[in-house]
Amino acid sequence: MKEALCGGQLPSGKFGSNAAWWWMMILSLNLTAIMKKLALPSKWEGRRMKKIRFGLINIPGRVILEGKELIVRLTRDHPGMELLVHVRRQINRLDAIESG
């Protein structure tokens, strides 16, 4: 929490602001843990947030809205393409389980 999610330095001298910051940090930590368990491949489970951020979240691409579909365009040979496709399939499986 301290390093990856900026928990070591609070943004304000006000208790309420710091409490909100801390709450968002804990929420981010929990959402990351859930994403690691349910969507990412097992080899990514032990990785830190910085590795996830640079390997998955910060993948350069173009987001395009065509009709009612949201499309993310990447180059075919991008090293993160396979991981992104895997994560998307896992999320779709979770949606299917919840709906069914």
Foldseek 3Di string as FASTA:
>chain_A
DVPQQVPVDADDPDPVSSVVSVVVSVVVVVVVQVLLVQQFPVVCNPPDPVCCCVLPVPQDWDWDCDPNDIDTDDDPPDPSPVRNVRSVVSVVVVVVVVVD
